[in-house]
Amino acid sequence: MIKVFRLIVITILFFTVNIFAQNITVTAGTDTTDYLVGDYITFTIRAEYDEGIKISPPTLTDNIEPLEVIKVLPVSFEGEKGIQQFNYIISGYDSARVVIPPIPITYFIGNSSEPQTVNTNEVEIFIHTLPVNPQADIKDVKEPLRISIDWFFWLMVIIIILLLSLLAYFLYKKFKKPVEESREIRRVPPMPYHRVALKALDNLKAKKLWQQGKVKEFHSELTGIIRKYFEDRYHFNSLEMTSAETMKVINRVMDNQKMIDTTNKFLNNADMVKFAKFVPLPTVNEEMMKQAYEIVLKTKPDDEIQNGVRSV
């Protein structure tokens, strides 16, 4: 009788653990295992997880020495399942066997603010140079290609080129326009997207729209700036989504629970003004402007190259 009772208790505990368990699996890998010095290496971390789990993007800088991170690629999602893939371009400049250690992945379960950690597998790669024999003669890596020359063919090509050149020169002399003063065009490096958003917020603040009674226009421009920032920062079409759709993505990609809550409150207040004809108090307008600055400043990447310009 006691054995039967123990069996029942163990069975109940087993099913209870399975019902409330939150499963997450992370794997790491490269596109191959052998590289030459300086080759670009595609390194991928793939996470598969149950609904209700939010993952923070991992940071490789402190984990992959002697390798270096060349570029952080956009995060990709697969279908409606909980599959998220982080992609990186890395490289090594010394010939060696390199073991990339397990990368810790931080995640949160439900609305809990207590971080959990799961590690990827380690990844082994080999970086080497071309083999060199110091006793051998110096020669090309590949023998020069020898092409038989068809003199008649090349003579005809030269004649045709000369005729076309003469024709081009004649047309140029006949139809050329007066020389215009040349202008030197200096290209300004693209501004990092968080600075673009902050500048747009400064301009909107200077307009003083809500102080002039243009409350709806103020909230429309304000949310437009933040949605455009989300598109550049997290690579999804926030401007074409509803607030609920935007928050669904933000909950997956943003690793700061406080800022997730601030963003949700910010979008809800804006929707009330734009769609429910709610007239907010001046303090609400000021608070939303403050929230917009806070969202940009506290979610911008700490160290990321954007379009060739390092974020600062």
C-alpha atoms as a PDB file:
ATOM      1  CA  MET A   1       0.000   0.000   0.000  1.00  0.00           C
ATOM      2  CA  ILE A   2       2.857   2.405   0.859  1.00  0.00           C
ATOM      3  CA  LYS A   3       4.588   1.617  -2.459  1.00  0.00           C
ATOM      4  CA  VAL A   4       1.399   2.392  -4.370  1.00  0.00           C
ATOM      5  CA  PHE A   5       1.000   5.703  -2.500  1.00  0.00           C
ATOM      6  CA  ARG A   6       4.621   6.662  -3.291  1.00  0.00           C
ATOM      7  CA  LEU A   7       4.101   5.813  -6.947  1.00  0.00           C
ATOM      8  CA  ILE A   8       1.003   8.052  -7.097  1.00  0.00           C
ATOM      9  CA  VAL A   9       2.870  10.983  -5.445  1.00  0.00           C
ATOM     10  CA  ILE A  10       5.846  10.635  -7.825  1.00  0.00           C
ATOM     11  CA  THR A  11       3.525  10.516 -10.831  1.00  0.00           C
ATOM     12  CA  ILE A  12       1.676  13.668  -9.703  1.00  0.00           C
ATOM     13  CA  LEU A  13       4.972  15.516  -9.142  1.00  0.00           C
ATOM     14  CA  PHE A  14       6.255  14.434 -12.576  1.00  0.00           C
ATOM     15  CA  PHE A  15       3.220  15.786 -14.418  1.00  0.00           C
ATOM     16  CA  THR A  16       3.192  18.980 -12.304  1.00  0.00           C
ATOM     17  CA  VAL A  17       6.812  19.733 -13.213  1.00  0.00           C
ATOM     18  CA  ASN A  18       6.108  19.134 -16.901  1.00  0.00           C
ATOM     19  CA  ILE A  19       3.022  21.369 -16.879  1.00  0.00           C
ATOM     20  CA  PHE A  20       4.802  24.375 -15.332  1.00  0.00           C
ATOM     21  CA  ALA A  21       8.245  23.901 -16.851  1.00  0.00           C
ATOM     22  CA  GLN A  22       9.437  26.494 -19.294  1.00  0.00           C
ATOM     23  CA  ASN A  23      11.729  24.869 -21.840  1.00  0.00           C
ATOM     24  CA  ILE A  24      14.522  26.697 -23.643  1.00  0.00           C
ATOM     25  CA  THR A  25      17.289  25.264 -25.824  1.00  0.00           C
ATOM     26  CA  VAL A  26      20.221  27.262 -27.213  1.00  0.00           C
ATOM     27  CA  THR A  27      22.812  26.063 -29.708  1.00  0.00           C
ATOM     28  CA  ALA A  28      25.809  27.773 -31.272  1.00  0.00           C
ATOM     29  CA  GLY A  29      27.646  27.023 -34.515  1.00  0.00           C
ATOM     30  CA  THR A  30      29.641  28.340 -37.458  1.00  0.00           C
ATOM     31  CA  ASP A  31      29.210  27.873 -41.198  1.00  0.00           C
ATOM     32  CA  THR A  32      32.292  25.602 -41.305  1.00  0.00           C
ATOM     33  CA  THR A  33      35.279  24.659 -39.122  1.00  0.00           C
ATOM     34  CA  ASP A  34      38.359  25.574 -41.190  1.00  0.00           C
ATOM     35  CA  TYR A  35      39.314  29.160 -42.055  1.00  0.00           C
ATOM     36  CA  LEU A  36      42.252  31.137 -43.319  1.00  0.00           C
ATOM     37  CA  VAL A  37      43.625  34.026 -41.244  1.00  0.00           C
ATOM     38  CA  GLY A  38      41.369  37.062 -41.744  1.00  0.00           C
ATOM     39  CA  ASP A  39      38.398  35.117 -43.179  1.00  0.00           C
ATOM     40  CA  TYR A  40      34.910  36.232 -42.171  1.00  0.00           C
ATOM     41  CA  ILE A  41      33.309  33.634 -39.897  1.00  0.00           C
ATOM     42  CA  THR A  42      29.526  33.423 -39.639  1.00  0.00           C
ATOM     43  CA  PHE A  43      28.694  32.618 -35.990  1.00  0.00           C
ATOM     44  CA  THR A  44      25.072  31.842 -35.098  1.00  0.00           C
ATOM     45  CA  ILE A  45      23.255  31.364 -31.793  1.00  0.00           C
ATOM     46  CA  ARG A  46      19.839  29.704 -32.183  1.00  0.00           C
ATOM     47  CA  ALA A  47      17.329  29.736 -29.329  1.00  0.00           C
ATOM     48  CA  GLU A  48      14.155  27.632 -29.214  1.00  0.00           C
ATOM     49  CA  TYR A  49      11.849  28.369 -26.302  1.00  0.00           C
ATOM     50  CA  ASP A  50       8.312  28.061 -24.979  1.00  0.00           C
ATOM     51  CA  GLU A  51       5.776  30.857 -25.032  1.00  0.00           C
ATOM     52  CA  GLY A  52       6.209  33.323 -22.192  1.00  0.00           C
ATOM     53  CA  ILE A  53      10.000  33.420 -22.328  1.00  0.00           C
ATOM     54  CA  LYS A  54      11.838  36.636 -23.260  1.00  0.00           C
ATOM     55  CA  ILE A  55      15.471  36.481 -24.334  1.00  0.00           C
ATOM     56  CA  SER A  56      18.120  39.187 -23.975  1.00  0.00           C
ATOM     57  CA  PRO A  57      20.486  39.491 -26.965  1.00  0.00           C
ATOM     58  CA  PRO A  58      23.859  37.990 -25.972  1.00  0.00           C
ATOM     59  CA  THR A  59      27.106  39.982 -26.017  1.00  0.00           C
ATOM     60  CA  LEU A  60      30.099  38.214 -27.577  1.00  0.00           C
ATOM     61  CA  THR A  61      32.861  40.783 -26.984  1.00  0.00           C
ATOM     62  CA  ASP A  62      34.085  39.329 -23.680  1.00  0.00           C
ATOM     63  CA  ASN A  63      33.610  35.658 -24.586  1.00  0.00           C
ATOM     64  CA  ILE A  64      35.339  34.893 -27.893  1.00  0.00           C
ATOM     65  CA  GLU A  65      38.952  36.053 -27.507  1.00  0.00           C
ATOM     66  CA  PRO A  66      41.235  35.849 -29.514  1.00  0.00           C
ATOM     67  CA  LEU A  67      38.501  36.306 -32.125  1.00  0.00           C
ATOM     68  CA  GLU A  68      36.966  39.721 -32.856  1.00  0.00           C
ATOM     69  CA  VAL A  69      33.380  40.714 -33.649  1.00  0.00           C
ATOM     70  CA  ILE A  70      33.292  42.387 -37.074  1.00  0.00           C
ATOM     71  CA  LYS A  71      29.539  42.981 -37.364  1.00  0.00           C
ATOM     72  CA  VAL A  72      26.301  42.222 -35.475  1.00  0.00           C
ATOM     73  CA  LEU A  73      23.627  41.124 -37.956  1.00  0.00           C
ATOM     74  CA  PRO A  74      19.862  41.642 -37.444  1.00  0.00           C
ATOM     75  CA  VAL A  75      18.025  39.179 -35.195  1.00  0.00           C
ATOM     76  CA  SER A  76      15.799  36.758 -37.136  1.00  0.00           C
ATOM     77  CA  PHE A  77      12.610  34.984 -36.086  1.00  0.00           C
ATOM     78  CA  GLU A  78      11.095  31.817 -37.545  1.00  0.00           C
ATOM     79  CA  GLY A  79       7.327  31.573 -37.981  1.00  0.00           C
ATOM     80  CA  GLU A  80       5.049  31.654 -34.957  1.00  0.00           C
ATOM     81  CA  LYS A  81       7.194  29.246 -32.952  1.00  0.00           C
ATOM     82  CA  GLY A  82       9.530  30.529 -30.278  1.00  0.00           C
ATOM     83  CA  ILE A  83      12.653  30.375 -32.442  1.00  0.00           C
ATOM     84  CA  GLN A  84      15.085  33.290 -32.393  1.00  0.00           C
ATOM     85  CA  GLN A  85      18.457  33.457 -34.135  1.00  0.00           C
ATOM     86  CA  PHE A  86      21.323  35.823 -33.338  1.00  0.00           C
ATOM     87  CA  ASN A  87      23.855  36.223 -36.141  1.00  0.00           C
ATOM     88  CA  TYR A  88      27.388  37.637 -36.017  1.00  0.00           C
ATOM     89  CA  ILE A  89      30.374  38.085 -38.326  1.00  0.00           C
ATOM     90  CA  ILE A  90      33.641  37.376 -36.497  1.00  0.00           C
ATOM     91  CA  SER A  91      37.256  36.893 -37.572  1.00  0.00           C
ATOM     92  CA  GLY A  92      40.643  35.726 -36.299  1.00  0.00           C
ATOM     93  CA  TYR A  93      44.109  36.962 -37.173  1.00  0.00           C
ATOM     94  CA  ASP A  94      46.358  34.262 -35.687  1.00  0.00           C
ATOM     95  CA  SER A  95      46.845  30.700 -36.857  1.00  0.00           C
ATOM     96  CA  ALA A  96      45.492  28.493 -34.071  1.00  0.00           C
ATOM     97  CA  ARG A  97      42.896  26.044 -32.874  1.00  0.00           C
ATOM     98  CA  VAL A  98      40.191  28.174 -31.272  1.00  0.00           C
ATOM     99  CA  VAL A  99      37.470  26.951 -28.929  1.00  0.00           C
ATOM    100  CA  ILE A 100      34.598  29.384 -28.529  1.00  0.00           C
ATOM    101  CA  PRO A 101      33.379  28.698 -24.979  1.00  0.00           C
ATOM    102  CA  PRO A 102      29.722  28.285 -24.051  1.00  0.00           C
ATOM    103  CA  ILE A 103      27.949  31.655 -24.396  1.00  0.00           C
ATOM    104  CA  PRO A 104      25.589  32.518 -21.493  1.00  0.00           C
ATOM    105  CA  ILE A 105      22.091  33.462 -22.660  1.00  0.00           C
ATOM    106  CA  THR A 106      19.956  35.480 -20.249  1.00  0.00           C
ATOM    107  CA  TYR A 107      16.176  35.062 -20.350  1.00  0.00           C
ATOM    108  CA  PHE A 108      13.099  35.941 -18.293  1.00  0.00           C
ATOM    109  CA  ILE A 109      10.036  33.786 -17.635  1.00  0.00           C
ATOM    110  CA  GLY A 110       6.660  35.531 -17.898  1.00  0.00           C
ATOM    111  CA  ASN A 111       6.581  38.881 -16.086  1.00  0.00           C
ATOM    112  CA  SER A 112       9.361  37.860 -13.715  1.00  0.00           C
ATOM    113  CA  SER A 113      12.280  40.303 -13.451  1.00  0.00           C
ATOM    114  CA  GLU A 114      14.590  37.593 -12.103  1.00  0.00           C
ATOM    115  CA  PRO A 115      17.045  36.639 -14.880  1.00  0.00           C
ATOM    116  CA  GLN A 116      17.684  33.005 -15.749  1.00  0.00           C
ATOM    117  CA  THR A 117      20.746  31.772 -17.645  1.00  0.00           C
ATOM    118  CA  VAL A 118      21.341  28.922 -20.075  1.00  0.00           C
ATOM    119  CA  ASN A 119      24.617  28.219 -21.892  1.00  0.00           C
ATOM    120  CA  THR A 120      25.245  27.275 -25.516  1.00  0.00           C
ATOM    121  CA  ASN A 121      27.529  24.467 -26.561  1.00  0.00           C
ATOM    122  CA  GLU A 122      31.207  25.228 -27.187  1.00  0.00           C
ATOM    123  CA  VAL A 123      32.330  25.546 -30.814  1.00  0.00           C
ATOM    124  CA  GLU A 124      35.738  24.453 -32.121  1.00  0.00           C
ATOM    125  CA  ILE A 125      37.280  26.007 -35.246  1.00  0.00           C
ATOM    126  CA  PHE A 126      40.712  26.020 -36.881  1.00  0.00           C
ATOM    127  CA  ILE A 127      42.392  29.112 -38.304  1.00  0.00           C
ATOM    128  CA  HIS A 128      45.497  28.595 -40.402  1.00  0.00           C
ATOM    129  CA  THR A 129      47.698  30.164 -43.031  1.00  0.00           C
ATOM    130  CA  LEU A 130      48.689  28.724 -46.408  1.00  0.00           C
ATOM    131  CA  PRO A 131      51.397  26.047 -45.985  1.00  0.00           C
ATOM    132  CA  VAL A 132      54.880  27.370 -46.805  1.00  0.00           C
ATOM    133  CA  ASN A 133      57.960  25.325 -47.705  1.00  0.00           C
ATOM    134  CA  PRO A 134      61.033  27.504 -46.897  1.00  0.00           C
ATOM    135  CA  GLN A 135      63.251  25.264 -49.067  1.00  0.00           C
ATOM    136  CA  ALA A 136      61.132  25.602 -52.215  1.00  0.00           C
ATOM    137  CA  ASP A 137      61.547  28.252 -54.901  1.00  0.00           C
ATOM    138  CA  ILE A 138      59.367  31.349 -54.772  1.00  0.00           C
ATOM    139  CA  LYS A 139      56.557  31.044 -57.267  1.00  0.00           C
ATOM    140  CA  ASP A 140      52.910  32.008 -57.795  1.00  0.00           C
ATOM    141  CA  VAL A 141      50.190  30.160 -55.939  1.00  0.00           C
ATOM    142  CA  LYS A 142      48.776  29.239 -59.338  1.00  0.00           C
ATOM    143  CA  GLU A 143      50.603  29.012 -62.622  1.00  0.00           C
ATOM    144  CA  PRO A 144      49.868  31.916 -64.998  1.00  0.00           C
ATOM    145  CA  LEU A 145      47.231  31.097 -67.571  1.00  0.00           C
ATOM    146  CA  ARG A 146      48.565  30.983 -71.097  1.00  0.00           C
ATOM    147  CA  ILE A 147      46.086  32.101 -73.745  1.00  0.00           C
ATOM    148  CA  SER A 148      46.774  31.579 -77.405  1.00  0.00           C
ATOM    149  CA  ILE A 149      46.603  34.857 -79.308  1.00  0.00           C
ATOM    150  CA  ASP A 150      44.379  35.236 -82.377  1.00  0.00           C
ATOM    151  CA  TRP A 151      46.156  38.165 -84.070  1.00  0.00           C
ATOM    152  CA  PHE A 152      43.460  38.776 -86.679  1.00  0.00           C
ATOM    153  CA  PHE A 153      40.734  38.911 -84.009  1.00  0.00           C
ATOM    154  CA  TRP A 154      42.671  41.402 -81.861  1.00  0.00           C
ATOM    155  CA  LEU A 155      43.563  43.517 -84.888  1.00  0.00           C
ATOM    156  CA  MET A 156      39.870  43.847 -85.711  1.00  0.00           C
ATOM    157  CA  VAL A 157      39.116  44.715 -82.076  1.00  0.00           C
ATOM    158  CA  ILE A 158      41.744  47.487 -82.096  1.00  0.00           C
ATOM    159  CA  ILE A 159      40.391  48.909 -85.388  1.00  0.00           C
ATOM    160  CA  ILE A 160      36.822  48.921 -84.047  1.00  0.00           C
ATOM    161  CA  ILE A 161      37.971  50.632 -80.826  1.00  0.00           C
ATOM    162  CA  LEU A 162      39.802  53.312 -82.802  1.00  0.00           C
ATOM    163  CA  LEU A 163      36.769  53.938 -85.007  1.00  0.00           C
ATOM    164  CA  LEU A 164      34.467  54.176 -81.999  1.00  0.00           C
ATOM    165  CA  SER A 165      36.910  56.545 -80.287  1.00  0.00           C
ATOM    166  CA  LEU A 166      36.973  58.818 -83.346  1.00  0.00           C
ATOM    167  CA  LEU A 167      33.187  58.773 -83.533  1.00  0.00           C
ATOM    168  CA  ALA A 168      32.885  59.569 -79.828  1.00  0.00           C
ATOM    169  CA  TYR A 169      35.366  62.447 -80.154  1.00  0.00           C
ATOM    170  CA  PHE A 170      33.451  63.861 -83.153  1.00  0.00           C
ATOM    171  CA  LEU A 171      30.134  63.698 -81.299  1.00  0.00           C
ATOM    172  CA  TYR A 172      31.707  65.221 -78.198  1.00  0.00           C
ATOM    173  CA  LYS A 173      33.126  68.185 -80.133  1.00  0.00           C
ATOM    174  CA  LYS A 174      29.825  68.729 -81.925  1.00  0.00           C
ATOM    175  CA  PHE A 175      27.453  68.537 -78.981  1.00  0.00           C
ATOM    176  CA  LYS A 176      29.555  69.424 -75.953  1.00  0.00           C
ATOM    177  CA  LYS A 177      28.090  72.040 -73.635  1.00  0.00           C
ATOM    178  CA  PRO A 178      29.937  75.002 -72.105  1.00  0.00           C
ATOM    179  CA  VAL A 179      32.028  74.064 -69.126  1.00  0.00           C
ATOM    180  CA  GLU A 180      30.132  74.696 -65.924  1.00  0.00           C
ATOM    181  CA  GLU A 181      31.735  75.554 -62.657  1.00  0.00           C
ATOM    182  CA  SER A 182      32.457  72.331 -60.823  1.00  0.00           C
ATOM    183  CA  ARG A 183      31.261  71.868 -57.272  1.00  0.00           C
ATOM    184  CA  GLU A 184      32.914  69.809 -54.634  1.00  0.00           C
ATOM    185  CA  ILE A 185      30.395  67.617 -52.860  1.00  0.00           C
ATOM    186  CA  ARG A 186      31.270  66.537 -49.368  1.00  0.00           C
ATOM    187  CA  ARG A 187      29.361  63.585 -48.048  1.00  0.00           C
ATOM    188  CA  VAL A 188      28.485  63.757 -44.391  1.00  0.00           C
ATOM    189  CA  PRO A 189      28.748  60.391 -42.592  1.00  0.00           C
ATOM    190  CA  PRO A 190      25.312  58.996 -41.646  1.00  0.00           C
ATOM    191  CA  MET A 191      24.201  59.861 -38.117  1.00  0.00           C
ATOM    192  CA  PRO A 192      23.572  56.941 -35.691  1.00  0.00           C
ATOM    193  CA  TYR A 193      19.842  56.259 -35.448  1.00  0.00           C
ATOM    194  CA  HIS A 194      19.535  57.056 -31.741  1.00  0.00           C
ATOM    195  CA  ARG A 195      20.994  60.525 -32.425  1.00  0.00           C
ATOM    196  CA  VAL A 196      18.513  60.958 -35.284  1.00  0.00           C
ATOM    197  CA  ALA A 197      15.669  60.198 -32.853  1.00  0.00           C
ATOM    198  CA  LEU A 198      17.011  62.568 -30.169  1.00  0.00           C
ATOM    199  CA  LYS A 199      17.390  65.362 -32.714  1.00  0.00           C
ATOM    200  CA  ALA A 200      13.822  64.812 -33.923  1.00  0.00           C
ATOM    201  CA  LEU A 201      12.586  64.971 -30.310  1.00  0.00           C
ATOM    202  CA  ASP A 202      14.492  68.233 -29.766  1.00  0.00           C
ATOM    203  CA  ASN A 203      12.872  69.737 -32.893  1.00  0.00           C
ATOM    204  CA  LEU A 204       9.409  68.600 -31.808  1.00  0.00           C
ATOM    205  CA  LYS A 205       9.933  70.060 -28.345  1.00  0.00           C
ATOM    206  CA  ALA A 206      10.940  73.387 -29.892  1.00  0.00           C
ATOM    207  CA  LYS A 207       7.698  73.534 -31.945  1.00  0.00           C
ATOM    208  CA  LYS A 208       5.564  73.690 -28.748  1.00  0.00           C
ATOM    209  CA  LEU A 209       2.588  72.113 -30.506  1.00  0.00           C
ATOM    210  CA  TRP A 210       0.553  71.096 -27.469  1.00  0.00           C
ATOM    211  CA  GLN A 211       1.119  74.527 -25.902  1.00  0.00           C
ATOM    212  CA  GLN A 212      -0.605  75.966 -29.025  1.00  0.00           C
ATOM    213  CA  GLY A 213      -3.584  73.624 -28.674  1.00  0.00           C
ATOM    214  CA  LYS A 214      -2.326  71.147 -31.311  1.00  0.00           C
ATOM    215  CA  VAL A 215      -2.392  68.208 -28.934  1.00  0.00           C
ATOM    216  CA  LYS A 216      -3.274  65.505 -31.482  1.00  0.00           C
ATOM    217  CA  GLU A 217      -0.533  66.670 -33.870  1.00  0.00           C
ATOM    218  CA  PHE A 218       1.969  66.647 -30.998  1.00  0.00           C
ATOM    219  CA  HIS A 219       1.175  63.051 -30.021  1.00  0.00           C
ATOM    220  CA  SER A 220       1.145  61.875 -33.634  1.00  0.00           C
ATOM    221  CA  GLU A 221       4.636  63.267 -34.299  1.00  0.00           C
ATOM    222  CA  LEU A 222       5.937  62.051 -30.940  1.00  0.00           C
ATOM    223  CA  THR A 223       4.848  58.429 -31.457  1.00  0.00           C
ATOM    224  CA  GLY A 224       6.051  58.559 -35.064  1.00  0.00           C
ATOM    225  CA  ILE A 225       9.579  59.427 -33.896  1.00  0.00           C
ATOM    226  CA  ILE A 226       9.647  56.560 -31.381  1.00  0.00           C
ATOM    227  CA  ARG A 227       8.186  54.036 -33.855  1.00  0.00           C
ATOM    228  CA  LYS A 228      10.789  55.031 -36.473  1.00  0.00           C
ATOM    229  CA  TYR A 229      13.503  54.568 -33.814  1.00  0.00           C
ATOM    230  CA  PHE A 230      12.125  51.070 -33.073  1.00  0.00           C
ATOM    231  CA  GLU A 231      12.304  50.219 -36.789  1.00  0.00           C
ATOM    232  CA  ASP A 232      15.982  51.226 -36.981  1.00  0.00           C
ATOM    233  CA  ARG A 233      16.945  49.770 -33.593  1.00  0.00           C
ATOM    234  CA  TYR A 234      15.093  46.425 -33.666  1.00  0.00           C
ATOM    235  CA  HIS A 235      14.484  45.947 -37.427  1.00  0.00           C
ATOM    236  CA  PHE A 236      10.680  45.607 -37.620  1.00  0.00           C
ATOM    237  CA  ASN A 237       7.937  47.757 -39.234  1.00  0.00           C
ATOM    238  CA  SER A 238       6.576  49.523 -36.164  1.00  0.00           C
ATOM    239  CA  LEU A 239       5.163  52.452 -38.208  1.00  0.00           C
ATOM    240  CA  GLU A 240       2.815  50.017 -39.968  1.00  0.00           C
ATOM    241  CA  MET A 241       1.768  48.167 -36.807  1.00  0.00           C
ATOM    242  CA  THR A 242      -0.784  48.838 -34.090  1.00  0.00           C
ATOM    243  CA  SER A 243       0.427  49.529 -30.586  1.00  0.00           C
ATOM    244  CA  ALA A 244      -0.478  45.979 -29.539  1.00  0.00           C
ATOM    245  CA  GLU A 245       1.518  44.490 -32.435  1.00  0.00           C
ATOM    246  CA  THR A 246       4.469  46.726 -31.640  1.00  0.00           C
ATOM    247  CA  MET A 247       4.433  45.687 -27.979  1.00  0.00           C
ATOM    248  CA  LYS A 248       4.349  42.022 -28.978  1.00  0.00           C
ATOM    249  CA  VAL A 249       7.675  42.464 -30.777  1.00  0.00           C
ATOM    250  CA  ILE A 250       9.122  44.778 -28.087  1.00  0.00           C
ATOM    251  CA  ASN A 251       8.469  42.101 -25.460  1.00  0.00           C
ATOM    252  CA  ARG A 252      10.648  39.722 -27.477  1.00  0.00           C
ATOM    253  CA  VAL A 253      13.583  41.956 -28.366  1.00  0.00           C
ATOM    254  CA  MET A 254      13.913  44.492 -25.526  1.00  0.00           C
ATOM    255  CA  ASP A 255      15.838  43.234 -22.490  1.00  0.00           C
ATOM    256  CA  ASN A 256      14.834  45.990 -20.051  1.00  0.00           C
ATOM    257  CA  GLN A 257      11.522  45.197 -18.324  1.00  0.00           C
ATOM    258  CA  LYS A 258      11.193  48.721 -16.934  1.00  0.00           C
ATOM    259  CA  MET A 259      11.505  50.205 -20.423  1.00  0.00           C
ATOM    260  CA  ILE A 260       9.005  47.642 -21.774  1.00  0.00           C
ATOM    261  CA  ASP A 261       6.460  48.904 -19.222  1.00  0.00           C
ATOM    262  CA  THR A 262       7.326  52.555 -20.016  1.00  0.00           C
ATOM    263  CA  THR A 263       6.876  51.910 -23.751  1.00  0.00           C
ATOM    264  CA  ASN A 264       3.502  50.238 -23.196  1.00  0.00           C
ATOM    265  CA  LYS A 265       2.262  53.176 -21.096  1.00  0.00           C
ATOM    266  CA  PHE A 266       3.633  55.658 -23.647  1.00  0.00           C
ATOM    267  CA  LEU A 267       1.844  54.018 -26.620  1.00  0.00           C
ATOM    268  CA  ASN A 268      -1.435  53.573 -24.719  1.00  0.00           C
ATOM    269  CA  ASN A 269      -1.553  57.265 -23.734  1.00  0.00           C
ATOM    270  CA  ALA A 270      -0.854  58.315 -27.327  1.00  0.00           C
ATOM    271  CA  ASP A 271      -3.633  56.041 -28.646  1.00  0.00           C
ATOM    272  CA  MET A 272      -6.132  57.591 -26.206  1.00  0.00           C
ATOM    273  CA  VAL A 273      -5.335  61.055 -27.550  1.00  0.00           C
ATOM    274  CA  LYS A 274      -5.354  60.074 -31.239  1.00  0.00           C
ATOM    275  CA  PHE A 275      -8.314  57.697 -31.290  1.00  0.00           C
ATOM    276  CA  ALA A 276     -10.386  58.254 -28.138  1.00  0.00           C
ATOM    277  CA  LYS A 277     -10.249  62.089 -28.332  1.00  0.00           C
ATOM    278  CA  PHE A 278      -8.801  62.187 -24.832  1.00  0.00           C
ATOM    279  CA  VAL A 279      -7.503  65.648 -23.859  1.00  0.00           C
ATOM    280  CA  PRO A 280      -4.530  65.145 -21.536  1.00  0.00           C
ATOM    281  CA  LEU A 281      -3.368  67.569 -18.874  1.00  0.00           C
ATOM    282  CA  PRO A 282      -0.172  69.544 -19.594  1.00  0.00           C
ATOM    283  CA  THR A 283       1.671  67.383 -17.079  1.00  0.00           C
ATOM    284  CA  VAL A 284       0.780  64.277 -19.136  1.00  0.00           C
ATOM    285  CA  ASN A 285       2.209  65.855 -22.307  1.00  0.00           C
ATOM    286  CA  GLU A 286       5.414  66.750 -20.480  1.00  0.00           C
ATOM    287  CA  GLU A 287       5.653  63.252 -19.003  1.00  0.00           C
ATOM    288  CA  MET A 288       5.244  61.620 -22.448  1.00  0.00           C
ATOM    289  CA  MET A 289       8.027  63.774 -23.882  1.00  0.00           C
ATOM    290  CA  LYS A 290      10.209  62.737 -20.957  1.00  0.00           C
ATOM    291  CA  GLN A 291       9.313  59.061 -21.560  1.00  0.00           C
ATOM    292  CA  ALA A 292      10.250  59.372 -25.250  1.00  0.00           C
ATOM    293  CA  TYR A 293      13.747  60.651 -24.372  1.00  0.00           C
ATOM    294  CA  GLU A 294      14.107  57.905 -21.768  1.00  0.00           C
ATOM    295  CA  ILE A 295      13.111  55.145 -24.242  1.00  0.00           C
ATOM    296  CA  VAL A 296      15.773  56.239 -26.736  1.00  0.00           C
ATOM    297  CA  LEU A 297      18.567  56.865 -24.215  1.00  0.00           C
ATOM    298  CA  LYS A 298      18.081  53.647 -22.247  1.00  0.00           C
ATOM    299  CA  THR A 299      17.653  51.268 -25.212  1.00  0.00           C
ATOM    300  CA  LYS A 300      20.364  52.536 -27.571  1.00  0.00           C
ATOM    301  CA  PRO A 301      23.191  50.050 -28.104  1.00  0.00           C
ATOM    302  CA  ASP A 302      26.233  50.583 -25.889  1.00  0.00           C
ATOM    303  CA  ASP A 303      28.748  49.831 -28.633  1.00  0.00           C
ATOM    304  CA  GLU A 304      27.492  49.123 -32.146  1.00  0.00           C
ATOM    305  CA  ILE A 305      28.563  50.183 -35.621  1.00  0.00           C
ATOM    306  CA  GLN A 306      25.652  51.688 -37.561  1.00  0.00           C
ATOM    307  CA  ASN A 307      26.157  52.223 -41.298  1.00  0.00           C
ATOM    308  CA  GLY A 308      29.897  52.651 -40.769  1.00  0.00           C
ATOM    309  CA  VAL A 309      29.555  55.051 -37.782  1.00  0.00           C
ATOM    310  CA  ARG A 310      30.224  53.893 -34.225  1.00  0.00           C
ATOM    311  CA  SER A 311      27.416  54.680 -31.800  1.00  0.00           C
ATOM    312  CA  VAL A 312      28.455  56.871 -28.879  1.00  0.00           C
END
